[in-house]
Amino acid sequence: AKQKEAQILSVTILIKICTENTSKYLRPHLKSLIKILLYGLSTLEPKELNYLAVQDQGKEFSDKVESYRINAAQSNPLNAGLTFCVNLINDNDTINAVIPEL
Protein backbone atom coordinates (compact mmCIF):
# COMPACT_ATOMS: atom_id res chain seq x y z
CA ALA A 1 0.00 0.00 0.00
CA LYS A 2 2.81 2.44 0.88
CA GLN A 3 4.63 1.64 -2.36
CA LYS A 4 1.50 2.43 -4.38
CA GLU A 5 1.08 5.72 -2.49
CA ALA A 6 4.70 6.62 -3.27
CA GLN A 7 4.17 5.84 -6.95
CA ILE A 8 1.05 7.98 -7.11
CA LEU A 9 2.82 10.86 -5.35
CA SER A 10 5.81 10.57 -7.69
CA VAL A 11 3.59 10.59 -10.78
CA THR A 12 1.68 13.60 -9.48
CA ILE A 13 4.89 15.54 -8.86
CA LEU A 14 6.33 14.64 -12.28
CA ILE A 15 3.17 15.78 -14.04
CA LYS A 16 3.19 19.08 -12.14
CA ILE A 17 6.83 19.63 -13.09
CA CYS A 18 6.12 19.15 -16.80
CA THR A 19 4.33 22.40 -17.55
CA GLU A 20 4.86 25.33 -19.85
CA ASN A 21 6.10 27.45 -16.93
CA THR A 22 9.00 25.07 -16.27
CA SER A 23 10.06 24.29 -19.84
CA LYS A 24 13.23 26.42 -19.80
CA TYR A 25 14.36 24.66 -16.62
CA LEU A 26 13.54 21.20 -17.94
CA ARG A 27 15.52 21.41 -21.19
CA PRO A 28 18.91 20.58 -19.61
CA HIS A 29 17.34 17.54 -17.90
CA LEU A 30 15.32 16.09 -20.77
CA LYS A 31 17.60 13.08 -21.18
CA SER A 32 17.00 11.91 -17.61
CA LEU A 33 13.39 13.01 -17.42
CA ILE A 34 12.32 11.22 -20.61
CA LYS A 35 14.06 8.05 -19.43
CA ILE A 36 12.27 8.25 -16.05
CA LEU A 37 8.89 8.87 -17.68
CA LEU A 38 9.31 5.91 -20.07
CA TYR A 39 10.32 3.68 -17.17
CA GLY A 40 7.30 4.89 -15.23
CA LEU A 41 4.97 4.08 -18.11
CA SER A 42 6.26 0.53 -18.25
CA THR A 43 6.26 -0.10 -14.50
CA LEU A 44 2.79 1.31 -13.96
CA GLU A 45 1.31 -0.97 -16.61
CA PRO A 46 -1.02 -3.55 -15.02
CA LYS A 47 0.72 -6.87 -14.35
CA GLU A 48 -2.18 -8.66 -16.01
CA LEU A 49 -1.32 -7.00 -19.32
CA ASN A 50 2.26 -8.22 -19.09
CA TYR A 51 1.00 -11.72 -18.40
CA LEU A 52 -1.45 -11.64 -21.30
CA ALA A 53 1.17 -10.24 -23.65
CA VAL A 54 3.33 -13.36 -23.33
CA GLN A 55 0.49 -15.83 -23.83
CA ASP A 56 0.44 -17.66 -27.16
CA GLN A 57 -3.25 -17.36 -28.00
CA GLY A 58 -2.93 -16.44 -31.67
CA LYS A 59 -2.50 -13.25 -33.62
CA GLU A 60 -5.99 -11.87 -33.02
CA PHE A 61 -5.59 -12.21 -29.25
CA SER A 62 -2.09 -10.66 -29.36
CA ASP A 63 -3.39 -7.73 -31.43
CA LYS A 64 -6.19 -7.09 -28.92
CA VAL A 65 -3.80 -7.19 -25.97
CA GLU A 66 -1.35 -4.87 -27.73
CA SER A 67 -4.15 -2.46 -28.61
CA TYR A 68 -5.25 -2.40 -24.97
CA ARG A 69 -1.65 -1.82 -23.84
CA ILE A 70 -1.32 1.15 -26.20
CA ASN A 71 -4.62 2.62 -25.00
CA ALA A 72 -3.60 2.16 -21.36
CA ALA A 73 -0.25 3.86 -21.97
CA GLN A 74 -1.88 6.75 -23.80
CA SER A 75 -4.35 7.34 -20.98
CA ASN A 76 -1.60 7.20 -18.35
CA PRO A 77 -0.89 10.69 -16.96
CA LEU A 78 2.83 10.09 -17.47
CA ASN A 79 2.19 10.04 -21.21
CA ALA A 80 1.16 13.71 -21.08
CA GLY A 81 4.44 14.55 -19.33
CA LEU A 82 6.41 12.48 -21.83
CA THR A 83 4.71 14.16 -24.77
CA PHE A 84 5.42 17.57 -23.24
CA CYS A 85 9.12 16.72 -22.79
CA VAL A 86 9.48 15.30 -26.29
CA ASN A 87 7.97 18.49 -27.69
CA LEU A 88 10.69 20.48 -25.87
CA ILE A 89 13.38 18.83 -27.98
CA ASN A 90 14.26 21.53 -30.48
CA ASP A 91 17.90 21.05 -31.43
CA ASN A 92 20.30 18.35 -32.61
CA ASP A 93 22.37 18.43 -29.42
CA THR A 94 19.34 17.50 -27.33
CA ILE A 95 18.27 14.81 -29.80
CA ASN A 96 21.78 13.34 -29.78
CA ALA A 97 21.79 13.33 -25.97
CA VAL A 98 18.34 11.75 -25.57
CA ILE A 99 18.39 9.01 -28.23
CA PRO A 100 21.30 6.91 -26.85
CA GLU A 101 19.53 6.78 -23.49
CA LEU A 102 16.47 5.18 -25.05
PDB file of N, CA and C in Angstrom:
ATOM      1  N   ALA A   1       0.828  -1.191   0.000  1.00  0.00           N
ATOM      2  CA  ALA A   1       0.000   0.000   0.000  1.00  0.00           C
ATOM      3  C   ALA A   1       0.872   1.254   0.000  1.00  0.00           C
ATOM      4  N   LYS A   2       1.924   1.267   0.811  1.00  0.00           N
ATOM      5  CA  LYS A   2       2.809   2.435   0.878  1.00  0.00           C
ATOM      6  C   LYS A   2       3.555   2.637  -0.438  1.00  0.00           C
ATOM      7  N   GLN A   3       3.932   1.537  -1.079  1.00  0.00           N
ATOM      8  CA  GLN A   3       4.633   1.638  -2.361  1.00  0.00           C
ATOM      9  C   GLN A   3       3.724   2.268  -3.416  1.00  0.00           C
ATOM     10  N   LYS A   4       2.466   1.870  -3.430  1.00  0.00           N
ATOM     11  CA  LYS A   4       1.501   2.431  -4.379  1.00  0.00           C
ATOM     12  C   LYS A   4       1.303   3.920  -4.112  1.00  0.00           C
ATOM     13  N   GLU A   5       1.221   4.304  -2.852  1.00  0.00           N
ATOM     14  CA  GLU A   5       1.079   5.719  -2.495  1.00  0.00           C
ATOM     15  C   GLU A   5       2.290   6.518  -2.976  1.00  0.00           C
ATOM     16  N   ALA A   6       3.472   5.949  -2.823  1.00  0.00           N
ATOM     17  CA  ALA A   6       4.695   6.623  -3.266  1.00  0.00           C
ATOM     18  C   ALA A   6       4.707   6.782  -4.783  1.00  0.00           C
ATOM     19  N   GLN A   7       4.245   5.750  -5.495  1.00  0.00           N
ATOM     20  CA  GLN A   7       4.170   5.836  -6.954  1.00  0.00           C
ATOM     21  C   GLN A   7       3.206   6.936  -7.381  1.00  0.00           C
ATOM     22  N   ILE A   8       2.056   6.978  -6.760  1.00  0.00           N
ATOM     23  CA  ILE A   8       1.051   7.983  -7.109  1.00  0.00           C
ATOM     24  C   ILE A   8       1.588   9.387  -6.830  1.00  0.00           C
ATOM     25  N   LEU A   9       2.237   9.564  -5.689  1.00  0.00           N
ATOM     26  CA  LEU A   9       2.817  10.862  -5.351  1.00  0.00           C
ATOM     27  C   LEU A   9       3.897  11.251  -6.357  1.00  0.00           C
ATOM     28  N   SER A  10       4.749  10.307  -6.721  1.00  0.00           N
ATOM     29  CA  SER A  10       5.814  10.575  -7.688  1.00  0.00           C
ATOM     30  C   SER A  10       5.245  10.982  -9.037  1.00  0.00           C
ATOM     31  N   VAL A  11       4.238  10.265  -9.496  1.00  0.00           N
ATOM     32  CA  VAL A  11       3.593  10.586 -10.775  1.00  0.00           C
ATOM     33  C   VAL A  11       2.987  11.977 -10.719  1.00  0.00           C
ATOM     34  N   THR A  12       2.309  12.289  -9.643  1.00  0.00           N
ATOM     35  CA  THR A  12       1.680  13.601  -9.480  1.00  0.00           C
ATOM     36  C   THR A  12       2.723  14.718  -9.549  1.00  0.00           C
ATOM     37  N   ILE A  13       3.829  14.523  -8.871  1.00  0.00           N
ATOM     38  CA  ILE A  13       4.888  15.536  -8.864  1.00  0.00           C
ATOM     39  C   ILE A  13       5.492  15.687 -10.259  1.00  0.00           C
ATOM     40  N   LEU A  14       5.770  14.566 -10.932  1.00  0.00           N
ATOM     41  CA  LEU A  14       6.334  14.640 -12.281  1.00  0.00           C
ATOM     42  C   LEU A  14       5.409  15.376 -13.245  1.00  0.00           C
ATOM     43  N   ILE A  15       4.129  15.113 -13.154  1.00  0.00           N
ATOM     44  CA  ILE A  15       3.168  15.778 -14.044  1.00  0.00           C
ATOM     45  C   ILE A  15       3.136  17.275 -13.755  1.00  0.00           C
ATOM     46  N   LYS A  16       3.194  17.648 -12.495  1.00  0.00           N
ATOM     47  CA  LYS A  16       3.189  19.078 -12.143  1.00  0.00           C
ATOM     48  C   LYS A  16       4.463  19.780 -12.607  1.00  0.00           C
ATOM     49  N   ILE A  17       5.563  19.057 -12.640  1.00  0.00           N
ATOM     50  CA  ILE A  17       6.825  19.634 -13.093  1.00  0.00           C
ATOM     51  C   ILE A  17       6.791  19.915 -14.592  1.00  0.00           C
ATOM     52  N   CYS A  18       6.140  19.044 -15.337  1.00  0.00           N
ATOM     53  CA  CYS A  18       6.122  19.147 -16.802  1.00  0.00           C
ATOM     54  C   CYS A  18       5.032  20.105 -17.274  1.00  0.00           C
ATOM     55  N   THR A  19       5.289  21.398 -17.101  1.00  0.00           N
ATOM     56  CA  THR A  19       4.330  22.404 -17.546  1.00  0.00           C
ATOM     57  C   THR A  19       5.057  23.472 -18.351  1.00  0.00           C
ATOM     58  N   GLU A  20       4.305  24.268 -19.033  1.00  0.00           N
ATOM     59  CA  GLU A  20       4.865  25.335 -19.855  1.00  0.00           C
ATOM     60  C   GLU A  20       5.737  26.282 -19.028  1.00  0.00           C
ATOM     61  N   ASN A  21       5.351  26.522 -17.791  1.00  0.00           N
ATOM     62  CA  ASN A  21       6.101  27.445 -16.935  1.00  0.00           C
ATOM     63  C   ASN A  21       7.493  26.941 -16.572  1.00  0.00           C
ATOM     64  N   THR A  22       7.714  25.642 -16.675  1.00  0.00           N
ATOM     65  CA  THR A  22       8.999  25.066 -16.273  1.00  0.00           C
ATOM     66  C   THR A  22       9.852  24.636 -17.453  1.00  0.00           C
ATOM     67  N   SER A  23       9.385  24.843 -18.663  1.00  0.00           N
ATOM     68  CA  SER A  23      10.065  24.289 -19.838  1.00  0.00           C
ATOM     69  C   SER A  23      11.528  24.715 -19.944  1.00  0.00           C
ATOM     70  N   LYS A  24      11.836  25.985 -19.661  1.00  0.00           N
ATOM     71  CA  LYS A  24      13.232  26.423 -19.799  1.00  0.00           C
ATOM     72  C   LYS A  24      14.137  25.743 -18.772  1.00  0.00           C
ATOM     73  N   TYR A  25      13.572  25.344 -17.636  1.00  0.00           N
ATOM     74  CA  TYR A  25      14.358  24.657 -16.615  1.00  0.00           C
ATOM     75  C   TYR A  25      14.483  23.161 -16.900  1.00  0.00           C
ATOM     76  N   LEU A  26      13.536  22.627 -17.645  1.00  0.00           N
ATOM     77  CA  LEU A  26      13.541  21.198 -17.941  1.00  0.00           C
ATOM     78  C   LEU A  26      14.500  20.831 -19.066  1.00  0.00           C
ATOM     79  N   ARG A  27      14.701  21.733 -20.013  1.00  0.00           N
ATOM     80  CA  ARG A  27      15.522  21.413 -21.194  1.00  0.00           C
ATOM     81  C   ARG A  27      16.857  20.735 -20.853  1.00  0.00           C
ATOM     82  N   PRO A  28      17.623  21.237 -19.894  1.00  0.00           N
ATOM     83  CA  PRO A  28      18.912  20.576 -19.608  1.00  0.00           C
ATOM     84  C   PRO A  28      18.754  19.163 -19.018  1.00  0.00           C
ATOM     85  N   HIS A  29      17.564  18.821 -18.578  1.00  0.00           N
ATOM     86  CA  HIS A  29      17.345  17.538 -17.900  1.00  0.00           C
ATOM     87  C   HIS A  29      16.463  16.579 -18.704  1.00  0.00           C
ATOM     88  N   LEU A  30      16.234  16.914 -19.961  1.00  0.00           N
ATOM     89  CA  LEU A  30      15.320  16.090 -20.767  1.00  0.00           C
ATOM     90  C   LEU A  30      15.778  14.649 -20.892  1.00  0.00           C
ATOM     91  N   LYS A  31      17.074  14.443 -21.041  1.00  0.00           N
ATOM     92  CA  LYS A  31      17.601  13.079 -21.184  1.00  0.00           C
ATOM     93  C   LYS A  31      17.159  12.205 -20.012  1.00  0.00           C
ATOM     94  N   SER A  32      17.369  12.683 -18.804  1.00  0.00           N
ATOM     95  CA  SER A  32      17.001  11.911 -17.612  1.00  0.00           C
ATOM     96  C   SER A  32      15.491  11.842 -17.431  1.00  0.00           C
ATOM     97  N   LEU A  33      14.828  12.951 -17.648  1.00  0.00           N
ATOM     98  CA  LEU A  33      13.392  13.012 -17.418  1.00  0.00           C
ATOM     99  C   LEU A  33      12.627  12.097 -18.370  1.00  0.00           C
ATOM    100  N   ILE A  34      12.995  12.088 -19.637  1.00  0.00           N
ATOM    101  CA  ILE A  34      12.325  11.216 -20.609  1.00  0.00           C
ATOM    102  C   ILE A  34      12.542   9.753 -20.243  1.00  0.00           C
ATOM    103  N   LYS A  35      13.754   9.429 -19.841  1.00  0.00           N
ATOM    104  CA  LYS A  35      14.058   8.050 -19.427  1.00  0.00           C
ATOM    105  C   LYS A  35      13.197   7.643 -18.226  1.00  0.00           C
ATOM    106  N   ILE A  36      13.076   8.528 -17.242  1.00  0.00           N
ATOM    107  CA  ILE A  36      12.270   8.249 -16.052  1.00  0.00           C
ATOM    108  C   ILE A  36      10.796   8.077 -16.420  1.00  0.00           C
ATOM    109  N   LEU A  37      10.299   8.949 -17.282  1.00  0.00           N
ATOM    110  CA  LEU A  37       8.890   8.869 -17.680  1.00  0.00           C
ATOM    111  C   LEU A  37       8.596   7.580 -18.448  1.00  0.00           C
ATOM    112  N   LEU A  38       9.500   7.178 -19.339  1.00  0.00           N
ATOM    113  CA  LEU A  38       9.309   5.911 -20.069  1.00  0.00           C
ATOM    114  C   LEU A  38       9.337   4.725 -19.109  1.00  0.00           C
ATOM    115  N   TYR A  39      10.252   4.746 -18.176  1.00  0.00           N
ATOM    116  CA  TYR A  39      10.317   3.677 -17.172  1.00  0.00           C
ATOM    117  C   TYR A  39       9.022   3.643 -16.360  1.00  0.00           C
ATOM    118  N   GLY A  40       8.550   4.809 -15.987  1.00  0.00           N
ATOM    119  CA  GLY A  40       7.303   4.892 -15.230  1.00  0.00           C
ATOM    120  C   GLY A  40       6.122   4.324 -15.997  1.00  0.00           C
ATOM    121  N   LEU A  41       6.063   4.622 -17.285  1.00  0.00           N
ATOM    122  CA  LEU A  41       4.971   4.078 -18.109  1.00  0.00           C
ATOM    123  C   LEU A  41       4.993   2.559 -18.094  1.00  0.00           C
ATOM    124  N   SER A  42       6.174   1.987 -18.199  1.00  0.00           N
ATOM    125  CA  SER A  42       6.262   0.527 -18.247  1.00  0.00           C
ATOM    126  C   SER A  42       5.994  -0.114 -16.887  1.00  0.00           C
ATOM    127  N   THR A  43       6.445   0.518 -15.813  1.00  0.00           N
ATOM    128  CA  THR A  43       6.256  -0.099 -14.500  1.00  0.00           C
ATOM    129  C   THR A  43       4.843   0.084 -13.955  1.00  0.00           C
ATOM    130  N   LEU A  44       4.153   1.089 -14.432  1.00  0.00           N
ATOM    131  CA  LEU A  44       2.787   1.307 -13.957  1.00  0.00           C
ATOM    132  C   LEU A  44       1.754   0.535 -14.777  1.00  0.00           C
ATOM    133  N   GLU A  45       2.220  -0.157 -15.815  1.00  0.00           N
ATOM    134  CA  GLU A  45       1.307  -0.974 -16.612  1.00  0.00           C
ATOM    135  C   GLU A  45       0.807  -2.138 -15.750  1.00  0.00           C
ATOM    136  N   PRO A  46      -0.481  -2.445 -15.823  1.00  0.00           N
ATOM    137  CA  PRO A  46      -1.017  -3.551 -15.023  1.00  0.00           C
ATOM    138  C   PRO A  46      -0.280  -4.868 -15.291  1.00  0.00           C
ATOM    139  N   LYS A  47       0.009  -5.594 -14.224  1.00  0.00           N
ATOM    140  CA  LYS A  47       0.718  -6.873 -14.349  1.00  0.00           C
ATOM    141  C   LYS A  47      -0.043  -7.858 -15.236  1.00  0.00           C
ATOM    142  N   GLU A  48      -1.351  -7.756 -15.199  1.00  0.00           N
ATOM    143  CA  GLU A  48      -2.176  -8.658 -16.006  1.00  0.00           C
ATOM    144  C   GLU A  48      -1.895  -8.481 -17.493  1.00  0.00           C
ATOM    145  N   LEU A  49      -1.635  -7.249 -17.906  1.00  0.00           N
ATOM    146  CA  LEU A  49      -1.320  -7.000 -19.316  1.00  0.00           C
ATOM    147  C   LEU A  49       0.000  -7.642 -19.706  1.00  0.00           C
ATOM    148  N   ASN A  50       0.985  -7.552 -18.819  1.00  0.00           N
ATOM    149  CA  ASN A  50       2.263  -8.215 -19.090  1.00  0.00           C
ATOM    150  C   ASN A  50       2.073  -9.720 -19.229  1.00  0.00           C
ATOM    151  N   TYR A  51       1.268 -10.283 -18.355  1.00  0.00           N
ATOM    152  CA  TYR A  51       1.001 -11.720 -18.400  1.00  0.00           C
ATOM    153  C   TYR A  51       0.315 -12.094 -19.714  1.00  0.00           C
ATOM    154  N   LEU A  52      -0.717 -11.347 -20.074  1.00  0.00           N
ATOM    155  CA  LEU A  52      -1.453 -11.640 -21.300  1.00  0.00           C
ATOM    156  C   LEU A  52      -0.593 -11.459 -22.546  1.00  0.00           C
ATOM    157  N   ALA A  53       0.328 -10.524 -22.488  1.00  0.00           N
ATOM    158  CA  ALA A  53       1.169 -10.238 -23.651  1.00  0.00           C
ATOM    159  C   ALA A  53       2.068 -11.418 -24.019  1.00  0.00           C
ATOM    160  N   VAL A  54       2.431 -12.233 -23.048  1.00  0.00           N
ATOM    161  CA  VAL A  54       3.325 -13.359 -23.334  1.00  0.00           C
ATOM    162  C   VAL A  54       2.585 -14.663 -23.607  1.00  0.00           C
ATOM    163  N   GLN A  55       1.273 -14.628 -23.544  1.00  0.00           N
ATOM    164  CA  GLN A  55       0.488 -15.828 -23.831  1.00  0.00           C
ATOM    165  C   GLN A  55       0.409 -16.056 -25.337  1.00  0.00           C
ATOM    166  N   ASP A  56       0.514 -17.306 -25.739  1.00  0.00           N
ATOM    167  CA  ASP A  56       0.440 -17.656 -27.163  1.00  0.00           C
ATOM    168  C   ASP A  56      -0.982 -18.087 -27.487  1.00  0.00           C
ATOM    169  N   GLN A  57      -1.833 -17.095 -27.729  1.00  0.00           N
ATOM    170  CA  GLN A  57      -3.248 -17.358 -28.000  1.00  0.00           C
ATOM    171  C   GLN A  57      -3.633 -16.981 -29.431  1.00  0.00           C
ATOM    172  N   GLY A  58      -2.655 -16.788 -30.280  1.00  0.00           N
ATOM    173  CA  GLY A  58      -2.927 -16.442 -31.672  1.00  0.00           C
ATOM    174  C   GLY A  58      -2.782 -14.951 -31.927  1.00  0.00           C
ATOM    175  N   LYS A  59      -2.733 -14.622 -33.199  1.00  0.00           N
ATOM    176  CA  LYS A  59      -2.495 -13.246 -33.620  1.00  0.00           C
ATOM    177  C   LYS A  59      -3.621 -12.308 -33.210  1.00  0.00           C
ATOM    178  N   GLU A  60      -4.862 -12.740 -33.363  1.00  0.00           N
ATOM    179  CA  GLU A  60      -5.991 -11.870 -33.021  1.00  0.00           C
ATOM    180  C   GLU A  60      -5.961 -11.489 -31.538  1.00  0.00           C
ATOM    181  N   PHE A  61      -5.682 -12.461 -30.684  1.00  0.00           N
ATOM    182  CA  PHE A  61      -5.586 -12.209 -29.251  1.00  0.00           C
ATOM    183  C   PHE A  61      -4.431 -11.248 -28.956  1.00  0.00           C
ATOM    184  N   SER A  62      -3.273 -11.516 -29.564  1.00  0.00           N
ATOM    185  CA  SER A  62      -2.094 -10.664 -29.361  1.00  0.00           C
ATOM    186  C   SER A  62      -2.369  -9.229 -29.801  1.00  0.00           C
ATOM    187  N   ASP A  63      -3.056  -9.070 -30.931  1.00  0.00           N
ATOM    188  CA  ASP A  63      -3.392  -7.733 -31.427  1.00  0.00           C
ATOM    189  C   ASP A  63      -4.311  -6.999 -30.462  1.00  0.00           C
ATOM    190  N   LYS A  64      -5.281  -7.711 -29.888  1.00  0.00           N
ATOM    191  CA  LYS A  64      -6.193  -7.087 -28.924  1.00  0.00           C
ATOM    192  C   LYS A  64      -5.451  -6.656 -27.665  1.00  0.00           C
ATOM    193  N   VAL A  65      -4.569  -7.523 -27.172  1.00  0.00           N
ATOM    194  CA  VAL A  65      -3.795  -7.188 -25.973  1.00  0.00           C
ATOM    195  C   VAL A  65      -2.900  -5.985 -26.251  1.00  0.00           C
ATOM    196  N   GLU A  66      -2.237  -5.982 -27.396  1.00  0.00           N
ATOM    197  CA  GLU A  66      -1.348  -4.868 -27.734  1.00  0.00           C
ATOM    198  C   GLU A  66      -2.133  -3.562 -27.885  1.00  0.00           C
ATOM    199  N   SER A  67      -3.301  -3.643 -28.472  1.00  0.00           N
ATOM    200  CA  SER A  67      -4.154  -2.462 -28.605  1.00  0.00           C
ATOM    201  C   SER A  67      -4.548  -1.922 -27.233  1.00  0.00           C
ATOM    202  N   TYR A  68      -4.890  -2.814 -26.327  1.00  0.00           N
ATOM    203  CA  TYR A  68      -5.247  -2.395 -24.974  1.00  0.00           C
ATOM    204  C   TYR A  68      -4.048  -1.777 -24.263  1.00  0.00           C
ATOM    205  N   ARG A  69      -2.855  -2.360 -24.459  1.00  0.00           N
ATOM    206  CA  ARG A  69      -1.645  -1.819 -23.841  1.00  0.00           C
ATOM    207  C   ARG A  69      -1.371  -0.404 -24.335  1.00  0.00           C
ATOM    208  N   ILE A  70      -1.542  -0.178 -25.623  1.00  0.00           N
ATOM    209  CA  ILE A  70      -1.323   1.153 -26.197  1.00  0.00           C
ATOM    210  C   ILE A  70      -2.324   2.141 -25.624  1.00  0.00           C
ATOM    211  N   ASN A  71      -3.593   1.738 -25.558  1.00  0.00           N
ATOM    212  CA  ASN A  71      -4.623   2.624 -24.998  1.00  0.00           C
ATOM    213  C   ASN A  71      -4.344   2.941 -23.531  1.00  0.00           C
ATOM    214  N   ALA A  72      -3.905   1.946 -22.779  1.00  0.00           N
ATOM    215  CA  ALA A  72      -3.600   2.163 -21.358  1.00  0.00           C
ATOM    216  C   ALA A  72      -2.429   3.128 -21.217  1.00  0.00           C
ATOM    217  N   ALA A  73      -1.410   2.970 -22.042  1.00  0.00           N
ATOM    218  CA  ALA A  73      -0.251   3.858 -21.974  1.00  0.00           C
ATOM    219  C   ALA A  73      -0.637   5.287 -22.350  1.00  0.00           C
ATOM    220  N   GLN A  74      -1.475   5.416 -23.361  1.00  0.00           N
ATOM    221  CA  GLN A  74      -1.877   6.753 -23.801  1.00  0.00           C
ATOM    222  C   GLN A  74      -2.746   7.458 -22.770  1.00  0.00           C
ATOM    223  N   SER A  75      -3.501   6.713 -21.994  1.00  0.00           N
ATOM    224  CA  SER A  75      -4.351   7.338 -20.983  1.00  0.00           C
ATOM    225  C   SER A  75      -3.618   7.547 -19.659  1.00  0.00           C
ATOM    226  N   ASN A  76      -2.409   7.029 -19.556  1.00  0.00           N
ATOM    227  CA  ASN A  76      -1.600   7.201 -18.354  1.00  0.00           C
ATOM    228  C   ASN A  76      -1.161   8.662 -18.258  1.00  0.00           C
ATOM    229  N   PRO A  77      -1.291   9.282 -17.096  1.00  0.00           N
ATOM    230  CA  PRO A  77      -0.893  10.685 -16.962  1.00  0.00           C
ATOM    231  C   PRO A  77       0.579  10.938 -17.291  1.00  0.00           C
ATOM    232  N   LEU A  78       1.419   9.922 -17.126  1.00  0.00           N
ATOM    233  CA  LEU A  78       2.829  10.091 -17.475  1.00  0.00           C
ATOM    234  C   LEU A  78       3.015  10.340 -18.960  1.00  0.00           C
ATOM    235  N   ASN A  79       2.093   9.830 -19.768  1.00  0.00           N
ATOM    236  CA  ASN A  79       2.187  10.036 -21.210  1.00  0.00           C
ATOM    237  C   ASN A  79       2.098  11.520 -21.553  1.00  0.00           C
ATOM    238  N   ALA A  80       1.265  12.269 -20.836  1.00  0.00           N
ATOM    239  CA  ALA A  80       1.164  13.712 -21.076  1.00  0.00           C
ATOM    240  C   ALA A  80       2.495  14.391 -20.765  1.00  0.00           C
ATOM    241  N   GLY A  81       3.133  13.994 -19.674  1.00  0.00           N
ATOM    242  CA  GLY A  81       4.441  14.548 -19.328  1.00  0.00           C
ATOM    243  C   GLY A  81       5.498  14.177 -20.350  1.00  0.00           C
ATOM    244  N   LEU A  82       5.459  12.939 -20.816  1.00  0.00           N
ATOM    245  CA  LEU A  82       6.405  12.478 -21.826  1.00  0.00           C
ATOM    246  C   LEU A  82       6.227  13.256 -23.124  1.00  0.00           C
ATOM    247  N   THR A  83       4.991  13.412 -23.548  1.00  0.00           N
ATOM    248  CA  THR A  83       4.708  14.164 -24.774  1.00  0.00           C
ATOM    249  C   THR A  83       5.206  15.600 -24.637  1.00  0.00           C
ATOM    250  N   PHE A  84       4.962  16.204 -23.485  1.00  0.00           N
ATOM    251  CA  PHE A  84       5.419  17.565 -23.236  1.00  0.00           C
ATOM    252  C   PHE A  84       6.942  17.641 -23.365  1.00  0.00           C
ATOM    253  N   CYS A  85       7.651  16.713 -22.743  1.00  0.00           N
ATOM    254  CA  CYS A  85       9.117  16.724 -22.788  1.00  0.00           C
ATOM    255  C   CYS A  85       9.647  16.484 -24.196  1.00  0.00           C
ATOM    256  N   VAL A  86       9.048  15.564 -24.914  1.00  0.00           N
ATOM    257  CA  VAL A  86       9.483  15.299 -26.292  1.00  0.00           C
ATOM    258  C   VAL A  86       9.298  16.552 -27.145  1.00  0.00           C
ATOM    259  N   ASN A  87       8.215  17.267 -26.919  1.00  0.00           N
ATOM    260  CA  ASN A  87       7.975  18.489 -27.688  1.00  0.00           C
ATOM    261  C   ASN A  87       8.959  19.604 -27.340  1.00  0.00           C
ATOM    262  N   LEU A  88       9.671  19.498 -26.232  1.00  0.00           N
ATOM    263  CA  LEU A  88      10.691  20.482 -25.872  1.00  0.00           C
ATOM    264  C   LEU A  88      11.999  20.278 -26.628  1.00  0.00           C
ATOM    265  N   ILE A  89      12.150  19.111 -27.237  1.00  0.00           N
ATOM    266  CA  ILE A  89      13.379  18.830 -27.979  1.00  0.00           C
ATOM    267  C   ILE A  89      13.354  19.672 -29.254  1.00  0.00           C
ATOM    268  N   ASN A  90      14.286  20.615 -29.339  1.00  0.00           N
ATOM    269  CA  ASN A  90      14.256  21.531 -30.479  1.00  0.00           C
ATOM    270  C   ASN A  90      15.623  21.741 -31.132  1.00  0.00           C
ATOM    271  N   ASP A  91      16.586  20.897 -30.796  1.00  0.00           N
ATOM    272  CA  ASP A  91      17.898  21.045 -31.430  1.00  0.00           C
ATOM    273  C   ASP A  91      18.591  19.684 -31.512  1.00  0.00           C
ATOM    274  N   ASN A  92      19.584  19.613 -32.388  1.00  0.00           N
ATOM    275  CA  ASN A  92      20.298  18.347 -32.610  1.00  0.00           C
ATOM    276  C   ASN A  92      21.085  17.885 -31.394  1.00  0.00           C
ATOM    277  N   ASP A  93      21.609  18.821 -30.620  1.00  0.00           N
ATOM    278  CA  ASP A  93      22.369  18.426 -29.425  1.00  0.00           C
ATOM    279  C   ASP A  93      21.484  17.672 -28.438  1.00  0.00           C
ATOM    280  N   THR A  94      20.268  18.163 -28.247  1.00  0.00           N
ATOM    281  CA  THR A  94      19.339  17.496 -27.328  1.00  0.00           C
ATOM    282  C   THR A  94      18.932  16.138 -27.880  1.00  0.00           C
ATOM    283  N   ILE A  95      18.637  16.094 -29.166  1.00  0.00           N
ATOM    284  CA  ILE A  95      18.272  14.815 -29.797  1.00  0.00           C
ATOM    285  C   ILE A  95      19.408  13.803 -29.618  1.00  0.00           C
ATOM    286  N   ASN A  96      20.640  14.241 -29.896  1.00  0.00           N
ATOM    287  CA  ASN A  96      21.780  13.345 -29.776  1.00  0.00           C
ATOM    288  C   ASN A  96      22.042  12.912 -28.341  1.00  0.00           C
ATOM    289  N   ALA A  97      21.631  13.708 -27.379  1.00  0.00           N
ATOM    290  CA  ALA A  97      21.791  13.330 -25.969  1.00  0.00           C
ATOM    291  C   ALA A  97      20.713  12.363 -25.527  1.00  0.00           C
ATOM    292  N   VAL A  98      19.485  12.544 -26.019  1.00  0.00           N
ATOM    293  CA  VAL A  98      18.340  11.746 -25.572  1.00  0.00           C
ATOM    294  C   VAL A  98      18.329  10.363 -26.222  1.00  0.00           C
ATOM    295  N   ILE A  99      18.564  10.281 -27.493  1.00  0.00           N
ATOM    296  CA  ILE A  99      18.395   9.014 -28.230  1.00  0.00           C
ATOM    297  C   ILE A  99      19.247   7.867 -27.675  1.00  0.00           C
ATOM    298  N   PRO A 100      20.530   8.051 -27.384  1.00  0.00           N
ATOM    299  CA  PRO A 100      21.298   6.912 -26.851  1.00  0.00           C
ATOM    300  C   PRO A 100      20.747   6.374 -25.531  1.00  0.00           C
ATOM    301  N   GLU A 101      20.077   7.206 -24.761  1.00  0.00           N
ATOM    302  CA  GLU A 101      19.528   6.785 -23.488  1.00  0.00           C
ATOM    303  C   GLU A 101      18.313   5.874 -23.666  1.00  0.00           C
ATOM    304  N   LEU A 102      17.679   5.962 -24.818  1.00  0.00           N
ATOM    305  CA  LEU A 102      16.473   5.181 -25.052  1.00  0.00           C
ATOM    306  C   LEU A 102      16.849   3.806 -25.515  1.00  0.00           C
TER     307      LEU A 102
END
